[in-house]
Amino acid sequence: MANEFAKYIKSISIENLWNKLTVKWDLHRDVNILSGINGVGKTTILNRIVSFLEQHEGDVSSTLRPVEGVSVTFDQPEAKFIAYNVIRSYDRPLMLKEVALKVDKDILSELDWQLYLLQKKYLDYQVNVANRMIDCLGSDDPEVRAQAASLAANKKRFQDIVDDLFSYTGKFIDRKRNDIAFRKDDILLLPYQLSSGEKQMLLILLTTLVQDQQYYVMFMDEPEASLHIEWQQKLIAIIREINPNVQLILTTHSPAVIMEGWIDNVTEVSDISCLKQ
């Protein structure tokens, strides 16, 4: 039976962008960076793709036929579904504040709310990893039992990366807790108490971790907005270190994001769009 889940998106077509442009974008398997001046349509293109995927419930798209002028081609033509997520870069005030306050009084912004939801996924991720470790340790096969330790390696690598990034302010993950929290000078800090840039980076990396190295598409709209330049330079590499199976589709204005070997993965909006005939 053919696999119904695609690994990545091969190409995207958009008709009638602003009622005058046609867009045809052939994608790389790993990293795709959309560039161009303000107002040329980077975010609009990203939003149209995401809107197409959101026509269907859950994290999947169940059709390859055009919807509102948008169509996608997967790596496997017979696939009907693809796992994806979207990360926005701006820490706006929370729209549904009354709902969030009933959950946690410290949730005040969109990033806070997304981090709160991710904490639940992080706990589920840990349970899944622990269950797989137990299955390995219960095996009669010595090679299978030896795999148990490697299952926890990605979580540790995530923690090491975050600690290294946050070390300049003296923060580090409290590894005795099951949720994500930090220590600084023996003071406990919840994610909501971080700076906007720290929240943004944590959101990106935690979203990547809980994918559990599965095939996945991550859309990011100007992810560098709150990040200082050293973090911008490292961003793509550390995402792919945590999940080498992720396909990144992002917009950016920052040269720093592409400095670490990604210049060949940059596409100008003008190169993939033409006036409608």
C-alpha atoms as a PDB file:
ATOM      1  CA  MET A   1       0.000   0.000   0.000  1.00  0.00           C
ATOM      2  CA  ALA A   2       1.353   3.419  -0.962  1.00  0.00           C
ATOM      3  CA  ASN A   3       2.354   5.756   1.834  1.00  0.00           C
ATOM      4  CA  GLU A   4      -0.328   8.445   2.136  1.00  0.00           C
ATOM      5  CA  PHE A   5       2.000  10.801   4.005  1.00  0.00           C
ATOM      6  CA  ALA A   6       4.390  12.925   1.975  1.00  0.00           C
ATOM      7  CA  LYS A   7       7.900  13.702   3.219  1.00  0.00           C
ATOM      8  CA  TYR A   8       8.160  17.150   1.685  1.00  0.00           C
ATOM      9  CA  ILE A   9       6.656  19.595  -0.813  1.00  0.00           C
ATOM     10  CA  LYS A  10       8.247  19.571  -4.283  1.00  0.00           C
ATOM     11  CA  SER A  11       6.524  22.579  -5.795  1.00  0.00           C
ATOM     12  CA  ILE A  12       3.886  25.210  -5.193  1.00  0.00           C
ATOM     13  CA  SER A  13       1.702  27.026  -7.716  1.00  0.00           C
ATOM     14  CA  ILE A  14      -0.397  30.105  -6.986  1.00  0.00           C
ATOM     15  CA  GLU A  15      -2.784  31.660  -9.482  1.00  0.00           C
ATOM     16  CA  ASN A  16      -4.128  35.188  -9.216  1.00  0.00           C
ATOM     17  CA  LEU A  17      -1.770  36.553  -6.577  1.00  0.00           C
ATOM     18  CA  TRP A  18      -3.216  40.052  -6.160  1.00  0.00           C
ATOM     19  CA  ASN A  19      -5.282  39.209  -9.280  1.00  0.00           C
ATOM     20  CA  LYS A  20      -2.327  39.719 -11.589  1.00  0.00           C
ATOM     21  CA  LEU A  21       0.569  37.367 -10.766  1.00  0.00           C
ATOM     22  CA  THR A  22       1.149  33.654 -11.231  1.00  0.00           C
ATOM     23  CA  VAL A  23       3.689  32.004  -8.923  1.00  0.00           C
ATOM     24  CA  LYS A  24       5.489  28.722  -9.601  1.00  0.00           C
ATOM     25  CA  TRP A  25       8.071  27.729  -6.962  1.00  0.00           C
ATOM     26  CA  ASP A  26      10.139  24.529  -7.164  1.00  0.00           C
ATOM     27  CA  LEU A  27      11.372  23.702  -3.664  1.00  0.00           C
ATOM     28  CA  HIS A  28      14.518  22.178  -2.206  1.00  0.00           C
ATOM     29  CA  ARG A  29      14.127  19.100  -0.010  1.00  0.00           C
ATOM     30  CA  ASP A  30      15.794  20.816   2.952  1.00  0.00           C
ATOM     31  CA  VAL A  31      15.805  24.635   3.066  1.00  0.00           C
ATOM     32  CA  ASN A  32      13.857  27.220   1.058  1.00  0.00           C
ATOM     33  CA  ILE A  33      14.351  30.930   1.693  1.00  0.00           C
ATOM     34  CA  LEU A  34      12.065  33.481   0.039  1.00  0.00           C
ATOM     35  CA  SER A  35      13.592  36.930  -0.301  1.00  0.00           C
ATOM     36  CA  GLY A  36      12.638  40.303  -1.746  1.00  0.00           C
ATOM     37  CA  ILE A  37      11.960  43.934  -0.893  1.00  0.00           C
ATOM     38  CA  ASN A  38       9.072  44.986   1.351  1.00  0.00           C
ATOM     39  CA  GLY A  39       5.703  44.669  -0.332  1.00  0.00           C
ATOM     40  CA  VAL A  40       6.824  42.305  -3.089  1.00  0.00           C
ATOM     41  CA  GLY A  41       4.705  39.451  -1.717  1.00  0.00           C
ATOM     42  CA  LYS A  42       6.876  37.184   0.469  1.00  0.00           C
ATOM     43  CA  THR A  43       4.467  36.974   3.386  1.00  0.00           C
ATOM     44  CA  THR A  44       1.454  36.882   1.061  1.00  0.00           C
ATOM     45  CA  ILE A  45       2.870  33.837  -0.754  1.00  0.00           C
ATOM     46  CA  LEU A  46       3.632  32.100   2.547  1.00  0.00           C
ATOM     47  CA  ASN A  47       0.152  32.882   3.870  1.00  0.00           C
ATOM     48  CA  ARG A  48      -1.532  31.570   0.730  1.00  0.00           C
ATOM     49  CA  ILE A  49       0.333  28.253   1.018  1.00  0.00           C
ATOM     50  CA  VAL A  50      -0.523  27.922   4.707  1.00  0.00           C
ATOM     51  CA  SER A  51      -4.141  28.891   4.034  1.00  0.00           C
ATOM     52  CA  PHE A  52      -4.321  26.096   1.456  1.00  0.00           C
ATOM     53  CA  LEU A  53      -3.098  23.565   4.025  1.00  0.00           C
ATOM     54  CA  GLU A  54      -5.439  24.933   6.672  1.00  0.00           C
ATOM     55  CA  GLN A  55      -8.452  24.204   4.476  1.00  0.00           C
ATOM     56  CA  HIS A  56      -8.310  20.761   6.043  1.00  0.00           C
ATOM     57  CA  GLU A  57      -8.539  19.814   9.698  1.00  0.00           C
ATOM     58  CA  GLY A  58      -5.449  18.831  11.645  1.00  0.00           C
ATOM     59  CA  ASP A  59      -1.850  19.088  10.452  1.00  0.00           C
ATOM     60  CA  VAL A  60      -2.498  17.692   7.003  1.00  0.00           C
ATOM     61  CA  SER A  61      -3.686  18.528   3.523  1.00  0.00           C
ATOM     62  CA  SER A  62      -5.899  15.924   1.900  1.00  0.00           C
ATOM     63  CA  THR A  63      -5.896  17.052  -1.724  1.00  0.00           C
ATOM     64  CA  LEU A  64      -3.514  17.938  -4.510  1.00  0.00           C
ATOM     65  CA  ARG A  65      -6.128  19.758  -6.584  1.00  0.00           C
ATOM     66  CA  PRO A  66      -6.117  23.589  -6.535  1.00  0.00           C
ATOM     67  CA  VAL A  67      -7.959  25.382  -3.743  1.00  0.00           C
ATOM     68  CA  GLU A  68      -8.513  29.106  -4.286  1.00  0.00           C
ATOM     69  CA  GLY A  69      -5.816  29.135  -6.944  1.00  0.00           C
ATOM     70  CA  VAL A  70      -3.215  27.260  -4.871  1.00  0.00           C
ATOM     71  CA  SER A  71      -1.879  23.775  -5.578  1.00  0.00           C
ATOM     72  CA  VAL A  72       1.038  21.750  -4.220  1.00  0.00           C
ATOM     73  CA  THR A  73       2.992  18.763  -5.481  1.00  0.00           C
ATOM     74  CA  PHE A  74       4.411  16.312  -2.949  1.00  0.00           C
ATOM     75  CA  ASP A  75       7.521  14.160  -3.244  1.00  0.00           C
ATOM     76  CA  GLN A  76       5.189  11.171  -3.576  1.00  0.00           C
ATOM     77  CA  PRO A  77       2.436  11.868  -6.126  1.00  0.00           C
ATOM     78  CA  GLU A  78       0.048   9.434  -4.428  1.00  0.00           C
ATOM     79  CA  ALA A  79       0.406  11.090  -0.995  1.00  0.00           C
ATOM     80  CA  LYS A  80      -2.606  12.888   0.448  1.00  0.00           C
ATOM     81  CA  PHE A  81      -1.223  14.231   3.725  1.00  0.00           C
ATOM     82  CA  ILE A  82       1.735  16.211   4.995  1.00  0.00           C
ATOM     83  CA  ALA A  83       2.678  17.237   8.539  1.00  0.00           C
ATOM     84  CA  TYR A  84       3.468  20.925   8.980  1.00  0.00           C
ATOM     85  CA  ASN A  85       3.594  23.813  11.414  1.00  0.00           C
ATOM     86  CA  VAL A  86       3.719  27.600  11.170  1.00  0.00           C
ATOM     87  CA  ILE A  87       5.821  29.941  13.289  1.00  0.00           C
ATOM     88  CA  ARG A  88       5.070  33.658  13.306  1.00  0.00           C
ATOM     89  CA  SER A  89       7.749  36.038  14.475  1.00  0.00           C
ATOM     90  CA  TYR A  90       5.941  38.893  16.165  1.00  0.00           C
ATOM     91  CA  ASP A  91       5.133  38.830  19.884  1.00  0.00           C
ATOM     92  CA  ARG A  92       1.711  40.457  19.679  1.00  0.00           C
ATOM     93  CA  PRO A  93      -0.640  40.965  22.643  1.00  0.00           C
ATOM     94  CA  LEU A  94      -2.846  37.941  23.142  1.00  0.00           C
ATOM     95  CA  MET A  95      -6.235  38.282  21.450  1.00  0.00           C
ATOM     96  CA  LEU A  96      -8.053  35.803  23.729  1.00  0.00           C
ATOM     97  CA  LYS A  97      -6.513  37.070  26.953  1.00  0.00           C
ATOM     98  CA  GLU A  98      -9.562  36.219  29.070  1.00  0.00           C
ATOM     99  CA  VAL A  99      -9.267  32.551  28.092  1.00  0.00           C
ATOM    100  CA  ALA A 100      -5.508  32.446  28.676  1.00  0.00           C
ATOM    101  CA  LEU A 101      -5.747  34.106  32.091  1.00  0.00           C
ATOM    102  CA  LYS A 102      -7.974  31.263  33.267  1.00  0.00           C
ATOM    103  CA  VAL A 103      -5.144  28.884  32.341  1.00  0.00           C
ATOM    104  CA  ASP A 104      -2.142  30.894  33.565  1.00  0.00           C
ATOM    105  CA  LYS A 105      -1.936  34.524  34.687  1.00  0.00           C
ATOM    106  CA  ASP A 106       1.526  34.869  33.115  1.00  0.00           C
ATOM    107  CA  ILE A 107       0.284  34.253  29.551  1.00  0.00           C
ATOM    108  CA  LEU A 108       0.104  37.741  28.058  1.00  0.00           C
ATOM    109  CA  SER A 109       1.236  37.417  24.435  1.00  0.00           C
ATOM    110  CA  GLU A 110       0.911  35.178  21.387  1.00  0.00           C
ATOM    111  CA  LEU A 111       4.362  33.703  22.007  1.00  0.00           C
ATOM    112  CA  ASP A 112       3.403  32.948  25.622  1.00  0.00           C
ATOM    113  CA  TRP A 113       0.297  31.093  24.456  1.00  0.00           C
ATOM    114  CA  GLN A 114       2.203  29.094  21.844  1.00  0.00           C
ATOM    115  CA  LEU A 115       4.832  28.141  24.437  1.00  0.00           C
ATOM    116  CA  TYR A 116       2.095  27.050  26.840  1.00  0.00           C
ATOM    117  CA  LEU A 117       0.629  24.745  24.171  1.00  0.00           C
ATOM    118  CA  LEU A 118       4.094  23.432  23.335  1.00  0.00           C
ATOM    119  CA  GLN A 119       4.699  22.457  26.963  1.00  0.00           C
ATOM    120  CA  LYS A 120       1.919  19.894  26.596  1.00  0.00           C
ATOM    121  CA  LYS A 121       3.442  18.542  23.385  1.00  0.00           C
ATOM    122  CA  TYR A 122       6.825  18.387  25.103  1.00  0.00           C
ATOM    123  CA  LEU A 123       5.398  16.225  27.889  1.00  0.00           C
ATOM    124  CA  ASP A 124       3.771  13.923  25.312  1.00  0.00           C
ATOM    125  CA  TYR A 125       7.074  13.725  23.420  1.00  0.00           C
ATOM    126  CA  GLN A 126       8.903  12.626  26.584  1.00  0.00           C
ATOM    127  CA  VAL A 127       6.305   9.961  27.332  1.00  0.00           C
ATOM    128  CA  ASN A 128       6.599   8.589  23.789  1.00  0.00           C
ATOM    129  CA  VAL A 129      10.403   8.469  24.006  1.00  0.00           C
ATOM    130  CA  ALA A 130      10.243   6.772  27.419  1.00  0.00           C
ATOM    131  CA  ASN A 131       7.822   4.143  26.130  1.00  0.00           C
ATOM    132  CA  ARG A 132      10.093   3.361  23.189  1.00  0.00           C
ATOM    133  CA  MET A 133      13.057   3.071  25.566  1.00  0.00           C
ATOM    134  CA  ILE A 134      11.134   0.599  27.723  1.00  0.00           C
ATOM    135  CA  ASP A 135      10.270  -1.469  24.647  1.00  0.00           C
ATOM    136  CA  CYS A 136      13.942  -1.552  23.627  1.00  0.00           C
ATOM    137  CA  LEU A 137      15.140  -2.538  27.090  1.00  0.00           C
ATOM    138  CA  GLY A 138      12.577  -5.353  27.180  1.00  0.00           C
ATOM    139  CA  SER A 139      13.840  -6.873  23.954  1.00  0.00           C
ATOM    140  CA  ASP A 140      15.803 -10.129  23.833  1.00  0.00           C
ATOM    141  CA  ASP A 141      17.967  -8.668  21.065  1.00  0.00           C
ATOM    142  CA  PRO A 142      21.151  -7.022  22.479  1.00  0.00           C
ATOM    143  CA  GLU A 143      21.299  -4.620  19.520  1.00  0.00           C
ATOM    144  CA  VAL A 144      17.755  -3.432  20.166  1.00  0.00           C
ATOM    145  CA  ARG A 145      18.476  -2.975  23.883  1.00  0.00           C
ATOM    146  CA  ALA A 146      21.538  -0.894  22.984  1.00  0.00           C
ATOM    147  CA  GLN A 147      19.299   1.516  21.069  1.00  0.00           C
ATOM    148  CA  ALA A 148      17.538   2.639  24.262  1.00  0.00           C
ATOM    149  CA  ALA A 149      20.190   5.168  25.270  1.00  0.00           C
ATOM    150  CA  SER A 150      20.239   6.780  21.822  1.00  0.00           C
ATOM    151  CA  LEU A 151      16.508   7.546  22.014  1.00  0.00           C
ATOM    152  CA  ALA A 152      17.110  10.188  24.691  1.00  0.00           C
ATOM    153  CA  ALA A 153      20.065  11.759  22.880  1.00  0.00           C
ATOM    154  CA  ASN A 154      18.047  14.277  20.857  1.00  0.00           C
ATOM    155  CA  LYS A 155      16.362  15.738  23.935  1.00  0.00           C
ATOM    156  CA  LYS A 156      19.759  16.163  25.591  1.00  0.00           C
ATOM    157  CA  ARG A 157      21.150  17.795  22.458  1.00  0.00           C
ATOM    158  CA  PHE A 158      18.186  20.211  22.428  1.00  0.00           C
ATOM    159  CA  GLN A 159      18.863  21.098  26.071  1.00  0.00           C
ATOM    160  CA  ASP A 160      22.585  21.583  25.390  1.00  0.00           C
ATOM    161  CA  ILE A 161      21.841  23.871  22.423  1.00  0.00           C
ATOM    162  CA  VAL A 162      19.397  26.019  24.404  1.00  0.00           C
ATOM    163  CA  ASP A 163      21.801  26.257  27.360  1.00  0.00           C
ATOM    164  CA  ASP A 164      24.588  27.351  25.033  1.00  0.00           C
ATOM    165  CA  LEU A 165      22.415  29.993  23.360  1.00  0.00           C
ATOM    166  CA  PHE A 166      21.124  31.364  26.664  1.00  0.00           C
ATOM    167  CA  SER A 167      24.457  31.198  28.494  1.00  0.00           C
ATOM    168  CA  TYR A 168      25.260  34.850  27.786  1.00  0.00           C
ATOM    169  CA  THR A 169      22.540  35.840  30.277  1.00  0.00           C
ATOM    170  CA  GLY A 170      23.327  33.056  32.753  1.00  0.00           C
ATOM    171  CA  LYS A 171      20.149  31.049  32.102  1.00  0.00           C
ATOM    172  CA  PHE A 172      20.039  27.285  31.772  1.00  0.00           C
ATOM    173  CA  ILE A 173      17.307  24.654  31.548  1.00  0.00           C
ATOM    174  CA  ASP A 174      16.313  23.028  34.841  1.00  0.00           C
ATOM    175  CA  ARG A 175      16.774  19.404  33.784  1.00  0.00           C
ATOM    176  CA  LYS A 176      15.161  18.013  36.921  1.00  0.00           C
ATOM    177  CA  ARG A 177      11.737  19.203  35.757  1.00  0.00           C
ATOM    178  CA  ASN A 178       9.471  17.511  33.232  1.00  0.00           C
ATOM    179  CA  ASP A 179       8.345  20.825  31.756  1.00  0.00           C
ATOM    180  CA  ILE A 180      10.541  23.554  30.274  1.00  0.00           C
ATOM    181  CA  ALA A 181      11.774  26.019  32.896  1.00  0.00           C
ATOM    182  CA  PHE A 182      15.046  27.821  33.511  1.00  0.00           C
ATOM    183  CA  ARG A 183      17.360  28.691  36.370  1.00  0.00           C
ATOM    184  CA  LYS A 184      19.351  31.871  36.767  1.00  0.00           C
ATOM    185  CA  ASP A 185      21.243  32.431  40.023  1.00  0.00           C
ATOM    186  CA  ASP A 186      18.996  29.773  41.641  1.00  0.00           C
ATOM    187  CA  ILE A 187      15.881  31.698  40.592  1.00  0.00           C
ATOM    188  CA  LEU A 188      13.251  29.701  38.695  1.00  0.00           C
ATOM    189  CA  LEU A 189      12.175  31.307  35.400  1.00  0.00           C
ATOM    190  CA  LEU A 190       9.205  30.136  33.353  1.00  0.00           C
ATOM    191  CA  PRO A 191       9.308  30.582  29.556  1.00  0.00           C
ATOM    192  CA  TYR A 192       6.919  33.544  29.838  1.00  0.00           C
ATOM    193  CA  GLN A 193       9.594  35.447  31.766  1.00  0.00           C
ATOM    194  CA  LEU A 194      12.127  35.281  28.944  1.00  0.00           C
ATOM    195  CA  SER A 195      12.874  38.110  26.525  1.00  0.00           C
ATOM    196  CA  SER A 196      11.001  38.189  23.198  1.00  0.00           C
ATOM    197  CA  GLY A 197      14.076  36.904  21.355  1.00  0.00           C
ATOM    198  CA  GLU A 198      14.572  34.055  23.826  1.00  0.00           C
ATOM    199  CA  LYS A 199      10.891  33.114  23.588  1.00  0.00           C
ATOM    200  CA  GLN A 200      11.110  33.134  19.799  1.00  0.00           C
ATOM    201  CA  MET A 201      14.175  30.879  19.715  1.00  0.00           C
ATOM    202  CA  LEU A 202      12.723  28.518  22.327  1.00  0.00           C
ATOM    203  CA  LEU A 203       9.479  28.311  20.363  1.00  0.00           C
ATOM    204  CA  ILE A 204      11.312  27.407  17.150  1.00  0.00           C
ATOM    205  CA  LEU A 205      13.591  24.801  18.722  1.00  0.00           C
ATOM    206  CA  LEU A 206      10.918  23.241  20.935  1.00  0.00           C
ATOM    207  CA  THR A 207       8.578  22.948  17.946  1.00  0.00           C
ATOM    208  CA  THR A 208      11.396  21.213  16.097  1.00  0.00           C
ATOM    209  CA  LEU A 209      12.161  18.826  18.966  1.00  0.00           C
ATOM    210  CA  VAL A 210       8.597  17.572  19.499  1.00  0.00           C
ATOM    211  CA  GLN A 211       8.446  16.546  15.840  1.00  0.00           C
ATOM    212  CA  ASP A 212      10.551  13.622  17.116  1.00  0.00           C
ATOM    213  CA  GLN A 213      12.700  13.678  13.942  1.00  0.00           C
ATOM    214  CA  GLN A 214       9.730  12.818  11.744  1.00  0.00           C
ATOM    215  CA  TYR A 215       9.339  14.217   8.221  1.00  0.00           C
ATOM    216  CA  TYR A 216       7.850  17.646   8.617  1.00  0.00           C
ATOM    217  CA  VAL A 217       7.411  21.026   6.903  1.00  0.00           C
ATOM    218  CA  MET A 218       8.029  24.158   8.967  1.00  0.00           C
ATOM    219  CA  PHE A 219       6.886  27.535   7.675  1.00  0.00           C
ATOM    220  CA  MET A 220       8.508  30.594   9.252  1.00  0.00           C
ATOM    221  CA  ASP A 221       7.737  34.234   8.444  1.00  0.00           C
ATOM    222  CA  GLU A 222      10.808  36.392   9.166  1.00  0.00           C
ATOM    223  CA  PRO A 223      11.952  34.237  12.110  1.00  0.00           C
ATOM    224  CA  GLU A 224      14.947  36.540  12.672  1.00  0.00           C
ATOM    225  CA  ALA A 225      12.772  39.484  13.753  1.00  0.00           C
ATOM    226  CA  SER A 226      13.572  39.226  17.488  1.00  0.00           C
ATOM    227  CA  LEU A 227      16.901  37.376  17.273  1.00  0.00           C
ATOM    228  CA  HIS A 228      20.334  38.921  17.592  1.00  0.00           C
ATOM    229  CA  ILE A 229      22.702  38.380  14.677  1.00  0.00           C
ATOM    230  CA  GLU A 230      24.657  35.408  16.098  1.00  0.00           C
ATOM    231  CA  TRP A 231      21.410  33.507  16.630  1.00  0.00           C
ATOM    232  CA  GLN A 232      20.281  34.406  13.105  1.00  0.00           C
ATOM    233  CA  GLN A 233      23.458  32.885  11.690  1.00  0.00           C
ATOM    234  CA  LYS A 234      23.014  29.626  13.646  1.00  0.00           C
ATOM    235  CA  LEU A 235      19.257  29.295  13.210  1.00  0.00           C
ATOM    236  CA  ILE A 236      18.953  26.987  10.194  1.00  0.00           C
ATOM    237  CA  ALA A 237      21.848  24.734  11.230  1.00  0.00           C
ATOM    238  CA  ILE A 238      20.540  24.070  14.736  1.00  0.00           C
ATOM    239  CA  ILE A 239      16.992  23.442  13.516  1.00  0.00           C
ATOM    240  CA  ARG A 240      18.317  20.830  11.123  1.00  0.00           C
ATOM    241  CA  GLU A 241      20.569  19.334  13.794  1.00  0.00           C
ATOM    242  CA  ILE A 242      17.543  18.676  16.004  1.00  0.00           C
ATOM    243  CA  ASN A 243      15.484  17.354  13.101  1.00  0.00           C
ATOM    244  CA  PRO A 244      17.419  16.573   9.903  1.00  0.00           C
ATOM    245  CA  ASN A 245      14.138  15.489   8.261  1.00  0.00           C
ATOM    246  CA  VAL A 246      12.501  18.910   8.442  1.00  0.00           C
ATOM    247  CA  GLN A 247      11.800  20.927   5.298  1.00  0.00           C
ATOM    248  CA  LEU A 248      12.086  24.656   5.998  1.00  0.00           C
ATOM    249  CA  ILE A 249      10.117  27.230   4.023  1.00  0.00           C
ATOM    250  CA  LEU A 250      10.785  30.728   5.297  1.00  0.00           C
ATOM    251  CA  THR A 251      10.851  34.408   4.420  1.00  0.00           C
ATOM    252  CA  THR A 252      13.607  36.728   5.553  1.00  0.00           C
ATOM    253  CA  HIS A 253      15.147  40.176   5.173  1.00  0.00           C
ATOM    254  CA  SER A 254      18.326  39.214   7.019  1.00  0.00           C
ATOM    255  CA  PRO A 255      21.578  38.365   5.206  1.00  0.00           C
ATOM    256  CA  ALA A 256      22.766  36.711   8.444  1.00  0.00           C
ATOM    257  CA  VAL A 257      20.217  33.873   8.097  1.00  0.00           C
ATOM    258  CA  ILE A 258      21.839  32.682   4.857  1.00  0.00           C
ATOM    259  CA  MET A 259      25.478  33.302   5.806  1.00  0.00           C
ATOM    260  CA  GLU A 260      26.180  29.729   6.930  1.00  0.00           C
ATOM    261  CA  GLY A 261      26.041  28.130   3.480  1.00  0.00           C
ATOM    262  CA  TRP A 262      22.424  28.678   2.404  1.00  0.00           C
ATOM    263  CA  ILE A 263      22.827  31.291  -0.329  1.00  0.00           C
ATOM    264  CA  ASP A 264      22.010  28.728  -3.039  1.00  0.00           C
ATOM    265  CA  ASN A 265      18.681  28.067  -1.313  1.00  0.00           C
ATOM    266  CA  VAL A 266      17.514  31.677  -1.639  1.00  0.00           C
ATOM    267  CA  THR A 267      14.730  32.447  -4.117  1.00  0.00           C
ATOM    268  CA  GLU A 268      13.718  35.968  -5.104  1.00  0.00           C
ATOM    269  CA  VAL A 269       9.981  36.539  -5.476  1.00  0.00           C
ATOM    270  CA  SER A 270      10.638  38.114  -8.870  1.00  0.00           C
ATOM    271  CA  ASP A 271      12.233  34.850 -10.078  1.00  0.00           C
ATOM    272  CA  ILE A 272       9.158  32.716  -9.416  1.00  0.00           C
ATOM    273  CA  SER A 273       6.360  35.110 -10.401  1.00  0.00           C
ATOM    274  CA  CYS A 274       5.127  36.480 -13.695  1.00  0.00           C
ATOM    275  CA  LEU A 275       2.226  38.602 -14.905  1.00  0.00           C
ATOM    276  CA  LYS A 276      -0.903  36.646 -15.646  1.00  0.00           C
ATOM    277  CA  GLN A 277      -1.469  36.225 -19.378  1.00  0.00           C
END
